[in-house]
Amino acid sequence: MARKPFTLRQAVLIGTALAAGSAAGQLAEAVPGEPPGVGHLAATATALWVLDKLHRLIDDRES
């Protein structure tokens, strides 16, 4: 079965969410006294939040 390729919209959403998550994770790891692994949690939460917000912002379905 042929796989459907990524659209430009999907690539922008995923790329932006990953970049924002990475930045948030690095920031969380830089805070002194935080437990190990907090950067991963911050990166995941931020990436999912940004992905959801961008998806809603540029929703291509007509309302």
PDB file of N, CA and C in Angstrom:
ATOM      1  N   MET A   1       0.838  -1.171   0.000  1.00  0.00           N
ATOM      2  CA  MET A   1       0.000   0.000   0.000  1.00  0.00           C
ATOM      3  C   MET A   1       0.891   1.244   0.000  1.00  0.00           C
ATOM      4  N   ALA A   2       0.574   2.168  -0.878  1.00  0.00           N
ATOM      5  CA  ALA A   2       1.360   3.397  -0.985  1.00  0.00           C
ATOM      6  C   ALA A   2       1.058   4.323   0.183  1.00  0.00           C
ATOM      7  N   ARG A   3       2.096   4.931   0.697  1.00  0.00           N
ATOM      8  CA  ARG A   3       1.932   5.863   1.814  1.00  0.00           C
ATOM      9  C   ARG A   3       1.703   7.262   1.284  1.00  0.00           C
ATOM     10  N   LYS A   4       0.840   7.998   1.972  1.00  0.00           N
ATOM     11  CA  LYS A   4       0.573   9.370   1.587  1.00  0.00           C
ATOM     12  C   LYS A   4       1.727  10.241   2.070  1.00  0.00           C
ATOM     13  N   PRO A   5       2.296  11.065   1.198  1.00  0.00           N
ATOM     14  CA  PRO A   5       3.433  11.902   1.623  1.00  0.00           C
ATOM     15  C   PRO A   5       2.973  13.033   2.549  1.00  0.00           C
ATOM     16  N   PHE A   6       3.923  13.566   3.283  1.00  0.00           N
ATOM     17  CA  PHE A   6       3.640  14.714   4.134  1.00  0.00           C
ATOM     18  C   PHE A   6       3.308  15.915   3.270  1.00  0.00           C
ATOM     19  N   THR A   7       2.373  16.705   3.738  1.00  0.00           N
ATOM     20  CA  THR A   7       2.086  17.961   3.055  1.00  0.00           C
ATOM     21  C   THR A   7       2.992  19.039   3.636  1.00  0.00           C
ATOM     22  N   LEU A   8       3.064  20.153   2.951  1.00  0.00           N
ATOM     23  CA  LEU A   8       3.862  21.274   3.450  1.00  0.00           C
ATOM     24  C   LEU A   8       3.314  21.753   4.786  1.00  0.00           C
ATOM     25  N   ARG A   9       2.003  21.766   4.934  1.00  0.00           N
ATOM     26  CA  ARG A   9       1.366  22.185   6.184  1.00  0.00           C
ATOM     27  C   ARG A   9       1.814  21.295   7.348  1.00  0.00           C
ATOM     28  N   GLN A  10       1.794  19.987   7.131  1.00  0.00           N
ATOM     29  CA  GLN A  10       2.220  19.063   8.181  1.00  0.00           C
ATOM     30  C   GLN A  10       3.689  19.250   8.524  1.00  0.00           C
ATOM     31  N   ALA A  11       4.509  19.461   7.527  1.00  0.00           N
ATOM     32  CA  ALA A  11       5.942  19.657   7.761  1.00  0.00           C
ATOM     33  C   ALA A  11       6.199  20.921   8.579  1.00  0.00           C
ATOM     34  N   VAL A  12       5.473  21.996   8.268  1.00  0.00           N
ATOM     35  CA  VAL A  12       5.637  23.246   9.019  1.00  0.00           C
ATOM     36  C   VAL A  12       5.171  23.068  10.454  1.00  0.00           C
ATOM     37  N   LEU A  13       4.034  22.429  10.651  1.00  0.00           N
ATOM     38  CA  LEU A  13       3.509  22.209  12.005  1.00  0.00           C
ATOM     39  C   LEU A  13       4.482  21.385  12.848  1.00  0.00           C
ATOM     40  N   ILE A  14       4.942  20.287  12.302  1.00  0.00           N
ATOM     41  CA  ILE A  14       5.828  19.398  13.048  1.00  0.00           C
ATOM     42  C   ILE A  14       7.184  20.053  13.300  1.00  0.00           C
ATOM     43  N   GLY A  15       7.744  20.702  12.296  1.00  0.00           N
ATOM     44  CA  GLY A  15       9.044  21.354  12.448  1.00  0.00           C
ATOM     45  C   GLY A  15       9.021  22.462  13.478  1.00  0.00           C
ATOM     46  N   THR A  16       7.977  23.276  13.447  1.00  0.00           N
ATOM     47  CA  THR A  16       7.861  24.364  14.418  1.00  0.00           C
ATOM     48  C   THR A  16       7.654  23.827  15.825  1.00  0.00           C
ATOM     49  N   ALA A  17       6.819  22.816  15.961  1.00  0.00           N
ATOM     50  CA  ALA A  17       6.575  22.233  17.277  1.00  0.00           C
ATOM     51  C   ALA A  17       7.853  21.610  17.848  1.00  0.00           C
ATOM     52  N   LEU A  18       8.621  20.929  17.025  1.00  0.00           N
ATOM     53  CA  LEU A  18       9.873  20.325  17.489  1.00  0.00           C
ATOM     54  C   LEU A  18      10.898  21.382  17.882  1.00  0.00           C
ATOM     55  N   ALA A  19      10.968  22.456  17.112  1.00  0.00           N
ATOM     56  CA  ALA A  19      11.911  23.529  17.441  1.00  0.00           C
ATOM     57  C   ALA A  19      11.538  24.195  18.764  1.00  0.00           C
ATOM     58  N   ALA A  20      10.257  24.461  18.963  1.00  0.00           N
ATOM     59  CA  ALA A  20       9.810  25.079  20.211  1.00  0.00           C
ATOM     60  C   ALA A  20      10.026  24.135  21.392  1.00  0.00           C
ATOM     61  N   GLY A  21       9.754  22.860  21.195  1.00  0.00           N
ATOM     62  CA  GLY A  21       9.968  21.883  22.258  1.00  0.00           C
ATOM     63  C   GLY A  21      11.428  21.750  22.627  1.00  0.00           C
ATOM     64  N   SER A  22      12.282  21.763  21.628  1.00  0.00           N
ATOM     65  CA  SER A  22      13.718  21.677  21.878  1.00  0.00           C
ATOM     66  C   SER A  22      14.211  22.876  22.679  1.00  0.00           C
ATOM     67  N   ALA A  23      13.752  24.055  22.313  1.00  0.00           N
ATOM     68  CA  ALA A  23      14.161  25.263  23.036  1.00  0.00           C
ATOM     69  C   ALA A  23      13.673  25.229  24.484  1.00  0.00           C
ATOM     70  N   ALA A  24      12.444  24.792  24.689  1.00  0.00           N
ATOM     71  CA  ALA A  24      11.905  24.716  26.048  1.00  0.00           C
ATOM     72  C   ALA A  24      12.649  23.670  26.881  1.00  0.00           C
ATOM     73  N   GLY A  25      13.008  22.566  26.264  1.00  0.00           N
ATOM     74  CA  GLY A  25      13.756  21.526  26.969  1.00  0.00           C
ATOM     75  C   GLY A  25      15.140  21.991  27.383  1.00  0.00           C
ATOM     76  N   GLN A  26      15.809  22.731  26.502  1.00  0.00           N
ATOM     77  CA  GLN A  26      17.133  23.253  26.835  1.00  0.00           C
ATOM     78  C   GLN A  26      17.043  24.277  27.956  1.00  0.00           C
ATOM     79  N   LEU A  27      16.022  25.096  27.906  1.00  0.00           N
ATOM     80  CA  LEU A  27      15.829  26.091  28.955  1.00  0.00           C
ATOM     81  C   LEU A  27      15.556  25.427  30.300  1.00  0.00           C
ATOM     82  N   ALA A  28      14.729  24.391  30.294  1.00  0.00           N
ATOM     83  CA  ALA A  28      14.407  23.691  31.538  1.00  0.00           C
ATOM     84  C   ALA A  28      15.638  22.987  32.113  1.00  0.00           C
ATOM     85  N   GLU A  29      16.483  22.437  31.252  1.00  0.00           N
ATOM     86  CA  GLU A  29      17.695  21.770  31.724  1.00  0.00           C
ATOM     87  C   GLU A  29      18.709  22.761  32.286  1.00  0.00           C
ATOM     88  N   ALA A  30      18.652  24.019  31.850  1.00  0.00           N
ATOM     89  CA  ALA A  30      19.617  25.024  32.296  1.00  0.00           C
ATOM     90  C   ALA A  30      19.296  25.574  33.682  1.00  0.00           C
ATOM     91  N   VAL A  31      18.075  25.341  34.172  1.00  0.00           N
ATOM     92  CA  VAL A  31      17.692  25.842  35.491  1.00  0.00           C
ATOM     93  C   VAL A  31      18.400  25.004  36.556  1.00  0.00           C
ATOM     94  N   PRO A  32      19.172  25.646  37.429  1.00  0.00           N
ATOM     95  CA  PRO A  32      19.885  24.872  38.449  1.00  0.00           C
ATOM     96  C   PRO A  32      18.928  24.270  39.479  1.00  0.00           C
ATOM     97  N   GLY A  33      19.241  23.069  39.891  1.00  0.00           N
ATOM     98  CA  GLY A  33      18.474  22.407  40.942  1.00  0.00           C
ATOM     99  C   GLY A  33      17.280  21.619  40.447  1.00  0.00           C
ATOM    100  N   GLU A  34      17.056  21.576  39.159  1.00  0.00           N
ATOM    101  CA  GLU A  34      15.928  20.812  38.632  1.00  0.00           C
ATOM    102  C   GLU A  34      16.309  19.338  38.539  1.00  0.00           C
ATOM    103  N   PRO A  35      15.345  18.438  38.735  1.00  0.00           N
ATOM    104  CA  PRO A  35      15.660  17.004  38.659  1.00  0.00           C
ATOM    105  C   PRO A  35      16.015  16.585  37.232  1.00  0.00           C
ATOM    106  N   PRO A  36      16.793  15.523  37.101  1.00  0.00           N
ATOM    107  CA  PRO A  36      17.165  15.046  35.766  1.00  0.00           C
ATOM    108  C   PRO A  36      15.925  14.633  34.970  1.00  0.00           C
ATOM    109  N   GLY A  37      15.934  14.915  33.711  1.00  0.00           N
ATOM    110  CA  GLY A  37      14.823  14.514  32.852  1.00  0.00           C
ATOM    111  C   GLY A  37      13.731  15.554  32.711  1.00  0.00           C
ATOM    112  N   VAL A  38      13.831  16.649  33.464  1.00  0.00           N
ATOM    113  CA  VAL A  38      12.784  17.667  33.378  1.00  0.00           C
ATOM    114  C   VAL A  38      12.779  18.323  32.003  1.00  0.00           C
ATOM    115  N   GLY A  39      13.917  18.352  31.343  1.00  0.00           N
ATOM    116  CA  GLY A  39      13.992  18.919  30.001  1.00  0.00           C
ATOM    117  C   GLY A  39      13.182  18.120  28.993  1.00  0.00           C
ATOM    118  N   HIS A  40      13.208  16.793  29.132  1.00  0.00           N
ATOM    119  CA  HIS A  40      12.424  15.938  28.237  1.00  0.00           C
ATOM    120  C   HIS A  40      10.932  16.174  28.425  1.00  0.00           C
ATOM    121  N   LEU A  41      10.533  16.300  29.668  1.00  0.00           N
ATOM    122  CA  LEU A  41       9.128  16.555  29.971  1.00  0.00           C
ATOM    123  C   LEU A  41       8.697  17.912  29.431  1.00  0.00           C
ATOM    124  N   ALA A  42       9.509  18.928  29.638  1.00  0.00           N
ATOM    125  CA  ALA A  42       9.198  20.267  29.142  1.00  0.00           C
ATOM    126  C   ALA A  42       9.162  20.295  27.619  1.00  0.00           C
ATOM    127  N   ALA A  43      10.088  19.604  26.979  1.00  0.00           N
ATOM    128  CA  ALA A  43      10.132  19.569  25.521  1.00  0.00           C
ATOM    129  C   ALA A  43       8.883  18.894  24.953  1.00  0.00           C
ATOM    130  N   THR A  44       8.499  17.783  25.541  1.00  0.00           N
ATOM    131  CA  THR A  44       7.318  17.064  25.069  1.00  0.00           C
ATOM    132  C   THR A  44       6.052  17.888  25.243  1.00  0.00           C
ATOM    133  N   ALA A  45       5.877  18.440  26.437  1.00  0.00           N
ATOM    134  CA  ALA A  45       4.676  19.230  26.712  1.00  0.00           C
ATOM    135  C   ALA A  45       4.598  20.456  25.806  1.00  0.00           C
ATOM    136  N   THR A  46       5.710  21.124  25.616  1.00  0.00           N
ATOM    137  CA  THR A  46       5.730  22.322  24.765  1.00  0.00           C
ATOM    138  C   THR A  46       5.471  21.972  23.309  1.00  0.00           C
ATOM    139  N   ALA A  47       6.082  20.914  22.826  1.00  0.00           N
ATOM    140  CA  ALA A  47       5.884  20.519  21.430  1.00  0.00           C
ATOM    141  C   ALA A  47       4.422  20.172  21.163  1.00  0.00           C
ATOM    142  N   LEU A  48       3.804  19.434  22.074  1.00  0.00           N
ATOM    143  CA  LEU A  48       2.397  19.080  21.890  1.00  0.00           C
ATOM    144  C   LEU A  48       1.503  20.305  21.965  1.00  0.00           C
ATOM    145  N   TRP A  49       1.807  21.219  22.876  1.00  0.00           N
ATOM    146  CA  TRP A  49       1.009  22.438  23.024  1.00  0.00           C
ATOM    147  C   TRP A  49       1.117  23.307  21.765  1.00  0.00           C
ATOM    148  N   VAL A  50       2.346  23.508  21.278  1.00  0.00           N
ATOM    149  CA  VAL A  50       2.550  24.329  20.076  1.00  0.00           C
ATOM    150  C   VAL A  50       1.893  23.669  18.864  1.00  0.00           C
ATOM    151  N   LEU A  51       2.006  22.363  18.743  1.00  0.00           N
ATOM    152  CA  LEU A  51       1.390  21.652  17.628  1.00  0.00           C
ATOM    153  C   LEU A  51      -0.118  21.855  17.637  1.00  0.00           C
ATOM    154  N   ASP A  52      -0.740  21.735  18.793  1.00  0.00           N
ATOM    155  CA  ASP A  52      -2.187  21.929  18.903  1.00  0.00           C
ATOM    156  C   ASP A  52      -2.581  23.360  18.554  1.00  0.00           C
ATOM    157  N   LYS A  53      -1.850  24.338  19.086  1.00  0.00           N
ATOM    158  CA  LYS A  53      -2.187  25.743  18.836  1.00  0.00           C
ATOM    159  C   LYS A  53      -2.013  26.105  17.363  1.00  0.00           C
ATOM    160  N   LEU A  54      -0.930  25.656  16.736  1.00  0.00           N
ATOM    161  CA  LEU A  54      -0.729  25.942  15.319  1.00  0.00           C
ATOM    162  C   LEU A  54      -1.766  25.245  14.447  1.00  0.00           C
ATOM    163  N   HIS A  55      -2.107  24.022  14.826  1.00  0.00           N
ATOM    164  CA  HIS A  55      -3.123  23.287  14.072  1.00  0.00           C
ATOM    165  C   HIS A  55      -4.448  24.043  14.096  1.00  0.00           C
ATOM    166  N   ARG A  56      -4.813  24.563  15.249  1.00  0.00           N
ATOM    167  CA  ARG A  56      -6.061  25.322  15.356  1.00  0.00           C
ATOM    168  C   ARG A  56      -5.959  26.676  14.643  1.00  0.00           C
ATOM    169  N   LEU A  57      -4.780  27.281  14.692  1.00  0.00           N
ATOM    170  CA  LEU A  57      -4.595  28.599  14.089  1.00  0.00           C
ATOM    171  C   LEU A  57      -4.705  28.554  12.570  1.00  0.00           C
ATOM    172  N   ILE A  58      -4.103  27.546  11.954  1.00  0.00           N
ATOM    173  CA  ILE A  58      -4.104  27.490  10.499  1.00  0.00           C
ATOM    174  C   ILE A  58      -4.975  26.327   9.998  1.00  0.00           C
ATOM    175  N   ASP A  59      -6.060  26.077  10.699  1.00  0.00           N
ATOM    176  CA  ASP A  59      -6.997  25.034  10.298  1.00  0.00           C
ATOM    177  C   ASP A  59      -7.541  25.368   8.913  1.00  0.00           C
ATOM    178  N   ASP A  60      -7.432  24.440   7.992  1.00  0.00           N
ATOM    179  CA  ASP A  60      -7.823  24.730   6.619  1.00  0.00           C
ATOM    180  C   ASP A  60      -9.272  24.356   6.316  1.00  0.00           C
ATOM    181  N   ARG A  61      -9.998  23.870   7.296  1.00  0.00           N
ATOM    182  CA  ARG A  61     -11.420  23.574   7.076  1.00  0.00           C
ATOM    183  C   ARG A  61     -12.223  24.858   7.225  1.00  0.00           C
ATOM    184  N   GLU A  62     -13.233  24.975   6.425  1.00  0.00           N
ATOM    185  CA  GLU A  62     -14.074  26.173   6.521  1.00  0.00           C
ATOM    186  C   GLU A  62     -15.007  26.053   7.713  1.00  0.00           C
ATOM    187  N   SER A  63     -15.182  27.147   8.422  1.00  0.00           N
ATOM    188  CA  SER A  63     -16.057  27.144   9.602  1.00  0.00           C
ATOM    189  C   SER A  63     -17.448  27.581   9.228  1.00  0.00           C
TER     190      SER A  63
END
